[in-house]
C-alpha atoms as a PDB file:
ATOM      1  CA  MET A   1      10.804 126.146  73.249  1.00  0.00           C
ATOM      2  CA  LEU A   2      12.333 125.717  69.845  1.00  0.00           C
ATOM      3  CA  SER A   3      11.054 128.129  67.096  1.00  0.00           C
ATOM      4  CA  PRO A   4      10.201 126.578  63.741  1.00  0.00           C
ATOM      5  CA  THR A   5      11.953 127.711  60.557  1.00  0.00           C
ATOM      6  CA  THR A   6      10.071 127.891  57.181  1.00  0.00           C
ATOM      7  CA  ILE A   7      11.907 126.969  53.979  1.00  0.00           C
ATOM      8  CA  THR A   8      10.552 127.582  50.453  1.00  0.00           C
ATOM      9  CA  ILE A   9      11.560 125.241  47.673  1.00  0.00           C
ATOM     10  CA  PRO A  10      11.461 125.899  43.926  1.00  0.00           C
ATOM     11  CA  ASP A  11       7.895 124.555  43.441  1.00  0.00           C
ATOM     12  CA  ASN A  12       6.679 127.159  45.998  1.00  0.00           C
ATOM     13  CA  SER A  13       5.847 124.488  48.533  1.00  0.00           C
ATOM     14  CA  LYS A  14       6.846 125.176  52.051  1.00  0.00           C
ATOM     15  CA  PHE A  15       7.793 123.006  55.033  1.00  0.00           C
ATOM     16  CA  SER A  16       9.090 123.847  58.436  1.00  0.00           C
ATOM     17  CA  LEU A  17      12.250 122.733  60.296  1.00  0.00           C
ATOM     18  CA  ILE A  18      13.018 122.812  63.974  1.00  0.00           C
ATOM     19  CA  ASN A  19      16.309 124.377  65.069  1.00  0.00           C
ATOM     20  CA  CYS A  20      18.344 121.798  67.085  1.00  0.00           C
ATOM     21  CA  PRO A  21      21.233 122.843  69.341  1.00  0.00           C
ATOM     22  CA  ARG A  22      24.755 121.672  68.420  1.00  0.00           C
ATOM     23  CA  THR A  23      25.787 118.662  70.476  1.00  0.00           C
ATOM     24  CA  SER A  24      29.368 118.232  69.235  1.00  0.00           C
ATOM     25  CA  ARG A  25      32.218 119.235  71.604  1.00  0.00           C
ATOM     26  CA  ARG A  26      34.946 121.617  70.715  1.00  0.00           C
ATOM     27  CA  PRO A  27      38.391 120.019  69.972  1.00  0.00           C
ATOM     28  CA  PHE A  28      40.013 122.176  72.679  1.00  0.00           C
ATOM     29  CA  ASN A  29      37.815 120.738  75.411  1.00  0.00           C
ATOM     30  CA  ILE A  30      38.615 117.178  74.279  1.00  0.00           C
ATOM     31  CA  THR A  31      42.374 117.849  74.418  1.00  0.00           C
ATOM     32  CA  VAL A  32      42.157 119.255  77.946  1.00  0.00           C
ATOM     33  CA  GLU A  33      40.194 116.254  79.163  1.00  0.00           C
ATOM     34  CA  ARG A  34      42.750 113.861  77.686  1.00  0.00           C
ATOM     35  CA  CYS A  35      45.576 115.732  79.417  1.00  0.00           C
ATOM     36  CA  TYR A  36      43.753 115.430  82.725  1.00  0.00           C
ATOM     37  CA  ILE A  37      43.373 111.694  82.190  1.00  0.00           C
ATOM     38  CA  LEU A  38      47.068 111.301  81.341  1.00  0.00           C
ATOM     39  CA  LEU A  39      48.074 113.283  84.426  1.00  0.00           C
ATOM     40  CA  ILE A  40      45.880 111.102  86.615  1.00  0.00           C
ATOM     41  CA  HIS A  41      47.480 107.953  85.133  1.00  0.00           C
ATOM     42  CA  LEU A  42      50.955 109.375  85.622  1.00  0.00           C
ATOM     43  CA  PHE A  43      50.172 110.222  89.240  1.00  0.00           C
ATOM     44  CA  LEU A  44      48.936 106.686  89.834  1.00  0.00           C
ATOM     45  CA  TYR A  45      52.090 105.228  88.251  1.00  0.00           C
ATOM     46  CA  ILE A  46      54.255 107.413  90.501  1.00  0.00           C
ATOM     47  CA  ILE A  47      52.387 106.205  93.584  1.00  0.00           C
ATOM     48  CA  ILE A  48      52.788 102.558  92.479  1.00  0.00           C
ATOM     49  CA  PHE A  49      56.535 103.107  91.861  1.00  0.00           C
ATOM     50  CA  ILE A  50      56.982 104.659  95.333  1.00  0.00           C
ATOM     51  CA  LEU A  51      55.166 101.732  96.937  1.00  0.00           C
ATOM     52  CA  ILE A  52      57.377  99.257  95.051  1.00  0.00           C
ATOM     53  CA  CYS A  53      60.534 101.075  96.193  1.00  0.00           C
ATOM     54  CA  ILE A  54      59.360 101.057  99.810  1.00  0.00           C
ATOM     55  CA  ARG A  55      58.573  97.371  99.589  1.00  0.00           C
ATOM     56  CA  PHE A  56      61.939  96.638  97.972  1.00  0.00           C
ATOM     57  CA  GLY A  57      63.729  98.526 100.750  1.00  0.00           C
ATOM     58  CA  GLN A  58      61.855  96.500 103.357  1.00  0.00           C
ATOM     59  CA  LEU A  59      62.896  93.285 101.619  1.00  0.00           C
ATOM     60  CA  ASN A  60      66.546  94.419 101.555  1.00  0.00           C
ATOM     61  CA  THR A  61      66.404  95.197 105.276  1.00  0.00           C
ATOM     62  CA  LYS A  62      64.972  91.766 106.007  1.00  0.00           C
ATOM     63  CA  GLN A  63      67.629  90.165 103.789  1.00  0.00           C
ATOM     64  CA  GLU A  64      70.433  91.972 105.643  1.00  0.00           C
ATOM     65  CA  LYS A  65      69.034  90.818 108.983  1.00  0.00           C
ATOM     66  CA  ILE A  66      68.834  87.242 107.698  1.00  0.00           C
ATOM     67  CA  LEU A  67      72.424  87.369 106.384  1.00  0.00           C
ATOM     68  CA  SER A  68      73.665  88.808 109.682  1.00  0.00           C
ATOM     69  CA  THR A  69      71.920  86.036 111.583  1.00  0.00           C
ATOM     70  CA  LEU A  70      73.351  83.379 109.259  1.00  0.00           C
ATOM     71  CA  ASN A  71      76.868  84.828 109.613  1.00  0.00           C
ATOM     72  CA  LEU A  72      76.560  84.842 113.409  1.00  0.00           C
ATOM     73  CA  ASN A  73      75.345  81.258 113.386  1.00  0.00           C
ATOM     74  CA  HIS A  74      78.206  80.317 111.071  1.00  0.00           C
ATOM     75  CA  ASN A  75      80.753  81.864 113.423  1.00  0.00           C
ATOM     76  CA  VAL A  76      79.232  80.029 116.382  1.00  0.00           C
ATOM     77  CA  THR A  77      79.315  76.784 114.409  1.00  0.00           C
ATOM     78  CA  LEU A  78      82.998  77.298 113.538  1.00  0.00           C
ATOM     79  CA  TYR A  79      83.790  77.894 117.191  1.00  0.00           C
ATOM     80  CA  GLN A  80      81.889  74.793 118.308  1.00  0.00           C
ATOM     81  CA  GLU A  81      83.562  72.665 115.641  1.00  0.00           C
ATOM     82  CA  SER A  82      87.004  73.882 116.690  1.00  0.00           C
ATOM     83  CA  GLN A  83      86.200  73.073 120.321  1.00  0.00           C
ATOM     84  CA  ASN A  84      85.032  69.579 119.335  1.00  0.00           C
ATOM     85  CA  ARG A  85      88.217  68.981 117.358  1.00  0.00           C
ATOM     86  CA  LEU A  86      90.299  70.025 120.343  1.00  0.00           C
ATOM     87  CA  LEU A  87      88.472  67.590 122.596  1.00  0.00           C
ATOM     88  CA  ASN A  88      89.490  64.772 120.255  1.00  0.00           C
ATOM     89  CA  TYR A  89      93.074  66.002 119.890  1.00  0.00           C
ATOM     90  CA  PRO A  90      95.602  63.571 121.502  1.00  0.00           C
ATOM     91  CA  ASN A  91      97.534  66.228 123.427  1.00  0.00           C
ATOM     92  CA  HIS A  92      94.478  67.907 124.875  1.00  0.00           C
ATOM     93  CA  LYS A  93      94.034  67.587 128.643  1.00  0.00           C
ATOM     94  CA  PRO A  94      90.502  68.370 129.798  1.00  0.00           C
ATOM     95  CA  ASP A  95      91.632  69.160 133.346  1.00  0.00           C
ATOM     96  CA  CYS A  96      94.026  71.919 132.187  1.00  0.00           C
ATOM     97  CA  SER A  97      92.877  75.501 131.744  1.00  0.00           C
ATOM     98  CA  CYS A  98      95.403  76.108 128.975  1.00  0.00           C
ATOM     99  CA  GLN A  99      95.661  74.435 125.580  1.00  0.00           C
ATOM    100  CA  GLN A 100      98.578  72.054 124.966  1.00  0.00           C
ATOM    101  CA  PHE A 101     100.634  72.669 121.840  1.00  0.00           C
ATOM    102  CA  SER A 102     103.331  70.695 120.135  1.00  0.00           C
ATOM    103  CA  TYR A 103     106.183  73.165 119.808  1.00  0.00           C
ATOM    104  CA  PRO A 104     108.834  72.952 117.050  1.00  0.00           C
ATOM    105  CA  LYS A 105     111.362  70.173 117.425  1.00  0.00           C
ATOM    106  CA  ARG A 106     114.799  69.866 115.891  1.00  0.00           C
ATOM    107  CA  ASN A 107     115.433  66.902 113.632  1.00  0.00           C
ATOM    108  CA  GLN A 108     118.512  65.072 114.937  1.00  0.00           C
ATOM    109  CA  THR A 109     119.620  64.142 111.422  1.00  0.00           C
ATOM    110  CA  THR A 110     119.132  67.361 109.472  1.00  0.00           C
ATOM    111  CA  ARG A 111     119.406  69.727 112.478  1.00  0.00           C
ATOM    112  CA  CYS A 112     116.380  71.533 111.018  1.00  0.00           C
ATOM    113  CA  LEU A 113     113.168  72.319 112.828  1.00  0.00           C
ATOM    114  CA  ASP A 114     109.837  70.550 112.264  1.00  0.00           C
ATOM    115  CA  LEU A 115     106.761  72.714 112.888  1.00  0.00           C
ATOM    116  CA  ARG A 116     103.296  71.372 113.700  1.00  0.00           C
ATOM    117  CA  VAL A 117     100.568  73.475 112.057  1.00  0.00           C
ATOM    118  CA  GLY A 118      96.891  72.899 112.639  1.00  0.00           C
ATOM    119  CA  LEU A 119      95.951  69.526 114.082  1.00  0.00           C
ATOM    120  CA  SER A 120      98.089  67.219 111.958  1.00  0.00           C
ATOM    121  CA  GLU A 121     100.141  69.062 109.305  1.00  0.00           C
ATOM    122  CA  THR A 122     103.934  69.483 109.569  1.00  0.00           C
ATOM    123  CA  ILE A 123     106.352  71.910 107.922  1.00  0.00           C
ATOM    124  CA  SER A 124     109.828  70.389 107.772  1.00  0.00           C
ATOM    125  CA  ASN A 125     113.335  71.762 107.106  1.00  0.00           C
ATOM    126  CA  VAL A 126     112.779  75.029 108.951  1.00  0.00           C
ATOM    127  CA  PHE A 127     115.719  77.223 110.020  1.00  0.00           C
ATOM    128  CA  CYS A 128     118.363  74.755 108.910  1.00  0.00           C
ATOM    129  CA  PRO A 129     121.895  75.680 110.024  1.00  0.00           C
ATOM    130  CA  SER A 130     124.379  76.609 107.345  1.00  0.00           C
ATOM    131  CA  SER A 131     127.571  74.679 106.759  1.00  0.00           C
ATOM    132  CA  SER A 132     129.768  77.305 108.422  1.00  0.00           C
ATOM    133  CA  THR A 133     128.139  77.526 111.843  1.00  0.00           C
ATOM    134  CA  GLU A 134     125.057  76.167 113.516  1.00  0.00           C
ATOM    135  CA  TYR A 135     123.762  79.606 114.372  1.00  0.00           C
ATOM    136  CA  GLU A 136     123.898  81.197 110.931  1.00  0.00           C
ATOM    137  CA  HIS A 137     120.597  80.850 109.105  1.00  0.00           C
ATOM    138  CA  ASN A 138     119.709  82.277 105.720  1.00  0.00           C
ATOM    139  CA  GLN A 139     116.382  80.584 105.119  1.00  0.00           C
ATOM    140  CA  TRP A 140     113.149  82.576 104.925  1.00  0.00           C
ATOM    141  CA  LEU A 141     110.122  80.855 106.430  1.00  0.00           C
ATOM    142  CA  MET A 142     106.742  81.834 105.006  1.00  0.00           C
ATOM    143  CA  ILE A 143     104.281  82.443 107.842  1.00  0.00           C
ATOM    144  CA  GLN A 144     101.293  83.752 105.867  1.00  0.00           C
ATOM    145  CA  ASN A 145     100.096  83.677 102.255  1.00  0.00           C
ATOM    146  CA  ARG A 146      96.977  85.099 100.614  1.00  0.00           C
ATOM    147  CA  ARG A 147      96.287  84.424  96.932  1.00  0.00           C
ATOM    148  CA  THR A 148      92.713  83.128  96.658  1.00  0.00           C
ATOM    149  CA  ASN A 149      89.492  83.073  98.666  1.00  0.00           C
ATOM    150  CA  HIS A 150      89.506  79.267  98.811  1.00  0.00           C
ATOM    151  CA  ILE A 151      90.542  79.349 102.475  1.00  0.00           C
ATOM    152  CA  ASN A 152      88.341  81.269 104.877  1.00  0.00           C
ATOM    153  CA  PHE A 153      90.375  83.485 107.243  1.00  0.00           C
ATOM    154  CA  ASN A 154      87.319  84.204 109.386  1.00  0.00           C
ATOM    155  CA  ARG A 155      88.577  81.882 112.143  1.00  0.00           C
ATOM    156  CA  THR A 156      88.413  81.444 115.892  1.00  0.00           C
ATOM    157  CA  TRP A 157      91.101  82.307 118.425  1.00  0.00           C
ATOM    158  CA  ILE A 158      92.075  78.639 118.771  1.00  0.00           C
ATOM    159  CA  GLU A 159      92.381  78.142 115.025  1.00  0.00           C
ATOM    160  CA  TYR A 160      94.678  81.160 114.732  1.00  0.00           C
ATOM    161  CA  GLN A 161      96.700  79.739 117.630  1.00  0.00           C
ATOM    162  CA  ARG A 162      97.320  76.437 115.870  1.00  0.00           C
ATOM    163  CA  GLY A 163      97.370  77.630 112.255  1.00  0.00           C
ATOM    164  CA  PHE A 164      95.232  76.610 109.296  1.00  0.00           C
ATOM    165  CA  GLY A 165      94.996  76.522 105.513  1.00  0.00           C
ATOM    166  CA  ASN A 166      96.812  74.792 102.681  1.00  0.00           C
ATOM    167  CA  ILE A 167      99.929  73.862 104.658  1.00  0.00           C
ATOM    168  CA  VAL A 168     101.413  71.455 102.111  1.00  0.00           C
ATOM    169  CA  ASP A 169     101.580  74.018  99.291  1.00  0.00           C
ATOM    170  CA  GLN A 170     101.872  76.952 101.743  1.00  0.00           C
ATOM    171  CA  LEU A 171      99.103  78.666  99.813  1.00  0.00           C
ATOM    172  CA  ASP A 172      96.397  80.627 101.657  1.00  0.00           C
ATOM    173  CA  PHE A 173      97.544  79.632 105.129  1.00  0.00           C
ATOM    174  CA  TRP A 174      98.445  80.949 108.588  1.00  0.00           C
ATOM    175  CA  ILE A 175     101.356  79.294 110.385  1.00  0.00           C
ATOM    176  CA  GLY A 176      99.857  79.710 113.862  1.00  0.00           C
ATOM    177  CA  ASN A 177     100.389  82.234 116.642  1.00  0.00           C
ATOM    178  CA  GLU A 178     101.967  79.680 118.992  1.00  0.00           C
ATOM    179  CA  ASN A 179     104.575  78.872 116.357  1.00  0.00           C
ATOM    180  CA  LEU A 180     105.256  82.591 115.885  1.00  0.00           C
ATOM    181  CA  TYR A 181     105.570  83.019 119.632  1.00  0.00           C
ATOM    182  CA  TRP A 182     108.034  80.106 119.951  1.00  0.00           C
ATOM    183  CA  LEU A 183     110.150  81.043 116.924  1.00  0.00           C
ATOM    184  CA  THR A 184     110.476  84.749 117.742  1.00  0.00           C
ATOM    185  CA  ASN A 185     111.302  83.968 121.378  1.00  0.00           C
ATOM    186  CA  ASN A 186     114.013  81.466 120.482  1.00  0.00           C
ATOM    187  CA  TYR A 187     115.489  83.478 117.596  1.00  0.00           C
ATOM    188  CA  HIS A 188     116.016  87.130 116.813  1.00  0.00           C
ATOM    189  CA  CYS A 189     113.888  87.382 113.664  1.00  0.00           C
ATOM    190  CA  ARG A 190     113.316  89.853 110.897  1.00  0.00           C
ATOM    191  CA  LEU A 191     110.032  90.074 108.973  1.00  0.00           C
ATOM    192  CA  LYS A 192     109.550  90.503 105.229  1.00  0.00           C
ATOM    193  CA  ILE A 193     106.259  91.492 103.580  1.00  0.00           C
ATOM    194  CA  GLU A 194     105.681  91.376  99.824  1.00  0.00           C
ATOM    195  CA  LEU A 195     102.497  92.986  98.516  1.00  0.00           C
ATOM    196  CA  THR A 196     101.136  93.039  94.933  1.00  0.00           C
ATOM    197  CA  ASP A 197      98.346  95.254  93.598  1.00  0.00           C
ATOM    198  CA  TRP A 198      96.047  94.697  90.592  1.00  0.00           C
ATOM    199  CA  TYR A 199      98.488  96.432  88.237  1.00  0.00           C
ATOM    200  CA  ASN A 200     100.981  93.646  89.112  1.00  0.00           C
ATOM    201  CA  GLU A 201     103.220  96.086  90.948  1.00  0.00           C
ATOM    202  CA  THR A 202     104.992  94.370  93.849  1.00  0.00           C
ATOM    203  CA  ARG A 203     106.454  96.273  96.783  1.00  0.00           C
ATOM    204  CA  LYS A 204     108.479  94.948  99.689  1.00  0.00           C
ATOM    205  CA  GLY A 205     109.150  95.899 103.276  1.00  0.00           C
ATOM    206  CA  ILE A 206     111.604  94.383 105.785  1.00  0.00           C
ATOM    207  CA  TYR A 207     111.536  94.856 109.569  1.00  0.00           C
ATOM    208  CA  GLU A 208     114.675  94.072 111.528  1.00  0.00           C
ATOM    209  CA  LEU A 209     112.682  93.511 114.729  1.00  0.00           C
ATOM    210  CA  PHE A 210     109.708  91.150 114.848  1.00  0.00           C
ATOM    211  CA  HIS A 211     108.671  89.626 118.149  1.00  0.00           C
ATOM    212  CA  ILE A 212     105.429  87.975 119.350  1.00  0.00           C
ATOM    213  CA  SER A 213     104.514  87.530 123.019  1.00  0.00           C
ATOM    214  CA  ASN A 214     102.551  84.606 124.478  1.00  0.00           C
ATOM    215  CA  GLN A 215      98.806  84.027 124.531  1.00  0.00           C
ATOM    216  CA  HIS A 216      98.411  85.541 128.018  1.00  0.00           C
ATOM    217  CA  ASP A 217      99.503  88.849 126.454  1.00  0.00           C
ATOM    218  CA  ASP A 218      97.245  88.216 123.397  1.00  0.00           C
ATOM    219  CA  TYR A 219     100.250  87.493 121.136  1.00  0.00           C
ATOM    220  CA  ARG A 220     101.230  91.167 121.266  1.00  0.00           C
ATOM    221  CA  MET A 221     103.520  92.197 118.400  1.00  0.00           C
ATOM    222  CA  GLN A 222     106.729  94.230 118.600  1.00  0.00           C
ATOM    223  CA  ILE A 223     107.875  95.476 115.203  1.00  0.00           C
ATOM    224  CA  ASP A 224     110.505  98.055 114.196  1.00  0.00           C
ATOM    225  CA  GLY A 225     113.470  98.761 111.932  1.00  0.00           C
ATOM    226  CA  TYR A 226     111.622  99.248 108.640  1.00  0.00           C
ATOM    227  CA  SER A 227     113.230  99.487 105.218  1.00  0.00           C
ATOM    228  CA  GLY A 228     111.435  99.155 101.901  1.00  0.00           C
ATOM    229  CA  ASN A 229     109.169 100.875  99.401  1.00  0.00           C
ATOM    230  CA  ILE A 230     105.610  99.884 100.321  1.00  0.00           C
ATOM    231  CA  ASP A 231     104.546 103.302 101.588  1.00  0.00           C
ATOM    232  CA  ALA A 232     104.613 106.434  99.483  1.00  0.00           C
ATOM    233  CA  TYR A 233     107.161 107.933 101.883  1.00  0.00           C
ATOM    234  CA  ASN A 234     109.759 105.215 102.309  1.00  0.00           C
ATOM    235  CA  LYS A 235     111.159 106.542 105.586  1.00  0.00           C
ATOM    236  CA  PHE A 236     107.840 105.858 107.329  1.00  0.00           C
ATOM    237  CA  ASP A 237     105.568 102.865 107.152  1.00  0.00           C
ATOM    238  CA  SER A 238     101.987 102.267 108.193  1.00  0.00           C
ATOM    239  CA  PHE A 239     102.619  98.916 109.881  1.00  0.00           C
ATOM    240  CA  SER A 240     105.124  99.767 112.625  1.00  0.00           C
ATOM    241  CA  ARG A 241     103.727 103.282 113.029  1.00  0.00           C
ATOM    242  CA  TRP A 242     100.191 102.127 113.847  1.00  0.00           C
ATOM    243  CA  HIS A 243     100.467  98.464 114.863  1.00  0.00           C
ATOM    244  CA  ASN A 244     103.585  98.212 117.007  1.00  0.00           C
ATOM    245  CA  ASN A 245     102.656  96.789 120.432  1.00  0.00           C
ATOM    246  CA  ALA A 246      99.199  95.792 119.139  1.00  0.00           C
ATOM    247  CA  PRO A 247      97.516  92.629 120.503  1.00  0.00           C
ATOM    248  CA  PHE A 248      96.081  89.938 118.262  1.00  0.00           C
ATOM    249  CA  SER A 249      92.281  89.791 117.998  1.00  0.00           C
ATOM    250  CA  THR A 250      89.723  87.399 116.541  1.00  0.00           C
ATOM    251  CA  TYR A 251      85.943  87.775 116.348  1.00  0.00           C
ATOM    252  CA  ASP A 252      85.512  85.499 119.389  1.00  0.00           C
ATOM    253  CA  HIS A 253      88.477  87.033 121.270  1.00  0.00           C
ATOM    254  CA  PRO A 254      88.598  90.815 120.662  1.00  0.00           C
ATOM    255  CA  ALA A 255      91.673  92.181 122.446  1.00  0.00           C
ATOM    256  CA  THR A 256      90.920  95.862 121.832  1.00  0.00           C
ATOM    257  CA  GLU A 257      89.112  97.551 124.716  1.00  0.00           C
ATOM    258  CA  THR A 258      86.276  99.556 123.171  1.00  0.00           C
ATOM    259  CA  THR A 259      85.701  98.130 119.680  1.00  0.00           C
ATOM    260  CA  ASN A 260      85.331  94.630 118.269  1.00  0.00           C
ATOM    261  CA  CYS A 261      87.734  95.309 115.423  1.00  0.00           C
ATOM    262  CA  PRO A 262      87.476  91.882 113.723  1.00  0.00           C
ATOM    263  CA  ASP A 263      83.735  92.437 113.250  1.00  0.00           C
ATOM    264  CA  LEU A 264      84.505  95.729 111.480  1.00  0.00           C
ATOM    265  CA  HIS A 265      87.006  93.986 109.166  1.00  0.00           C
ATOM    266  CA  GLY A 266      85.012  90.994 107.963  1.00  0.00           C
ATOM    267  CA  GLY A 267      85.703  88.786 110.986  1.00  0.00           C
ATOM    268  CA  VAL A 268      89.371  87.983 110.278  1.00  0.00           C
ATOM    269  CA  GLY A 269      92.101  87.861 112.910  1.00  0.00           C
ATOM    270  CA  TRP A 270      94.895  90.455 113.030  1.00  0.00           C
ATOM    271  CA  TRP A 271      96.977  92.761 115.221  1.00  0.00           C
ATOM    272  CA  TYR A 272      94.403  95.554 115.430  1.00  0.00           C
ATOM    273  CA  HIS A 273      95.286  98.850 117.069  1.00  0.00           C
ATOM    274  CA  PRO A 274      92.937 100.878 119.327  1.00  0.00           C
ATOM    275  CA  GLY A 275      90.620 103.429 117.755  1.00  0.00           C
ATOM    276  CA  ASP A 276      87.652 103.535 115.416  1.00  0.00           C
ATOM    277  CA  GLU A 277      89.655 102.592 112.302  1.00  0.00           C
ATOM    278  CA  CYS A 278      91.327  99.564 113.978  1.00  0.00           C
ATOM    279  CA  ALA A 279      93.801  98.973 111.139  1.00  0.00           C
ATOM    280  CA  HIS A 280      96.017 100.874 108.714  1.00  0.00           C
ATOM    281  CA  VAL A 281      97.543  97.552 107.648  1.00  0.00           C
ATOM    282  CA  GLN A 282      95.460  94.385 107.541  1.00  0.00           C
ATOM    283  CA  LEU A 283      96.835  91.470 105.507  1.00  0.00           C
ATOM    284  CA  ASN A 284      94.317  88.716 106.304  1.00  0.00           C
ATOM    285  CA  GLY A 285      91.311  90.374 104.639  1.00  0.00           C
ATOM    286  CA  PHE A 286      89.180  89.174 101.754  1.00  0.00           C
ATOM    287  CA  LEU A 287      90.360  89.173  98.151  1.00  0.00           C
ATOM    288  CA  PRO A 288      88.175  90.751  95.426  1.00  0.00           C
ATOM    289  CA  THR A 289      86.047  88.517  93.241  1.00  0.00           C
ATOM    290  CA  HIS A 290      86.607  90.743  90.179  1.00  0.00           C
ATOM    291  CA  GLY A 291      89.473  92.640  88.620  1.00  0.00           C
ATOM    292  CA  ASP A 292      88.748  96.145  89.880  1.00  0.00           C
ATOM    293  CA  GLY A 293      90.159  95.272  93.307  1.00  0.00           C
ATOM    294  CA  LEU A 294      87.114  96.521  95.229  1.00  0.00           C
ATOM    295  CA  VAL A 295      85.517  94.838  98.250  1.00  0.00           C
ATOM    296  CA  PRO A 296      83.064  95.971 100.964  1.00  0.00           C
ATOM    297  CA  TYR A 297      84.444  98.747 103.166  1.00  0.00           C
ATOM    298  CA  ASN A 298      87.370  97.728 105.426  1.00  0.00           C
ATOM    299  CA  THR A 299      87.098  93.996 104.632  1.00  0.00           C
ATOM    300  CA  GLY A 300      89.975  93.619 102.171  1.00  0.00           C
ATOM    301  CA  ILE A 301      93.767  93.391 102.368  1.00  0.00           C
ATOM    302  CA  LEU A 302      94.732  96.916 103.438  1.00  0.00           C
ATOM    303  CA  TRP A 303      97.875  99.004 103.357  1.00  0.00           C
ATOM    304  CA  ILE A 304      96.654 102.582 103.738  1.00  0.00           C
ATOM    305  CA  GLY A 305     100.116 104.080 103.173  1.00  0.00           C
ATOM    306  CA  TRP A 306     100.017 102.700  99.605  1.00  0.00           C
ATOM    307  CA  LYS A 307      96.309 102.507  98.728  1.00  0.00           C
ATOM    308  CA  SER A 308      94.247 104.849 100.898  1.00  0.00           C
ATOM    309  CA  ASP A 309      90.873 103.587  99.617  1.00  0.00           C
ATOM    310  CA  ARG A 310      89.430 101.242 102.258  1.00  0.00           C
ATOM    311  CA  HIS A 311      87.294  99.581  99.570  1.00  0.00           C
ATOM    312  CA  PHE A 312      90.474  98.401  97.828  1.00  0.00           C
ATOM    313  CA  SER A 313      92.032  94.968  98.379  1.00  0.00           C
ATOM    314  CA  PHE A 314      95.407  93.822  97.040  1.00  0.00           C
ATOM    315  CA  GLN A 315      95.890  90.930  94.635  1.00  0.00           C
ATOM    316  CA  HIS A 316      98.121  88.818  96.890  1.00  0.00           C
ATOM    317  CA  VAL A 317     100.479  89.098  99.849  1.00  0.00           C
ATOM    318  CA  HIS A 318     102.836  86.903 101.827  1.00  0.00           C
ATOM    319  CA  MET A 319     104.800  87.323 105.038  1.00  0.00           C
ATOM    320  CA  SER A 320     108.095  85.589 105.868  1.00  0.00           C
ATOM    321  CA  ILE A 321     110.516  85.573 108.784  1.00  0.00           C
ATOM    322  CA  GLN A 322     114.272  84.936 108.865  1.00  0.00           C
ATOM    323  CA  PRO A 323     116.373  84.227 111.962  1.00  0.00           C
ATOM    324  CA  LYS A 324     119.282  86.615 112.442  1.00  0.00           C
ATOM    325  CA  LEU A 325     120.681  84.971 115.576  1.00  0.00           C
ATOM    326  CA  ARG A 326     119.613  82.322 118.027  1.00  0.00           C
ATOM    327  CA  ARG A 327     118.954  83.686 121.490  1.00  0.00           C
ATOM    328  CA  ASP A 328     121.555  82.797 124.133  1.00  0.00           C
ATOM    329  CA  ARG A 329     119.272  80.908 126.444  1.00  0.00           C
ATOM    330  CA  ASN A 330     117.462  77.629 126.698  1.00  0.00           C
ATOM    331  CA  ARG A 331     114.178  76.999 125.014  1.00  0.00           C
ATOM    332  CA  HIS A 332     111.709  79.658 126.086  1.00  0.00           C
ATOM    333  CA  ARG A 333     109.028  78.354 128.422  1.00  0.00           C
ATOM    334  CA  ARG A 334     105.642  79.826 129.174  1.00  0.00           C
END
């Protein structure tokens, strides 16, 4: 029980008071409680942030699966479209197991070759004889050019056989593996490659031997006799060292035994060599969409002997061939 307290005032009257306990809290206790509350809130925020990150990762995984499915469907659609175009092509014979191609023909007036590229395009005035002798040729023929991403190089085996792209301007195009086979089997050809990086430095390499076999051998490439300055060590080059005797592969026709190399390099066709890396030189890859020259791993235009970063892609590249001498035999037949 509470004990009363007596107080005397100046007029000698007295009254009593009851002692009441103090109900106010100490400031220290209030501060501690507030800290506990803040820690609880912070813990809750951390849990919410972790849940958001997990959910975001799940969404990214689903998005990657969706993109992979769409890319696969796109590749299948490209293949089906190419097959449909071939069925409507005049020279196609349904009862033949092989595809019929229109090989280069010599113009009787100009004595130059006319090349059929794709389904309907023609490149004229190819390998024209000089005035001195019919078998001396000085003309370079561009067989590949990459400058923009306007033309998709993720193509089927049949499209790489026939050729595709901007044939008229010879910009972002592929001349066709059957044309390469015919030209390099009717002429002794040299190959020239010109490559430009994002500092506008251009380097060049020339190969005195460039030969392509037929489709039954997967357009296998023979390349040798390098001279140039593309690699850091000019006596050696990445192309002939790693890719000589390599077969040509596309995403729907992988010629390498253990690995689908086109799938590892963005789906584009090329002469891939065996092994996990598949390519030390790959000139049909994707171009960057910004000025730092970077693309997803292994999907760009590669020349490892110059730029070893597999995220790097060059600014532009083109390949050309020049006949040194016509072969002493009739037109090569398959």
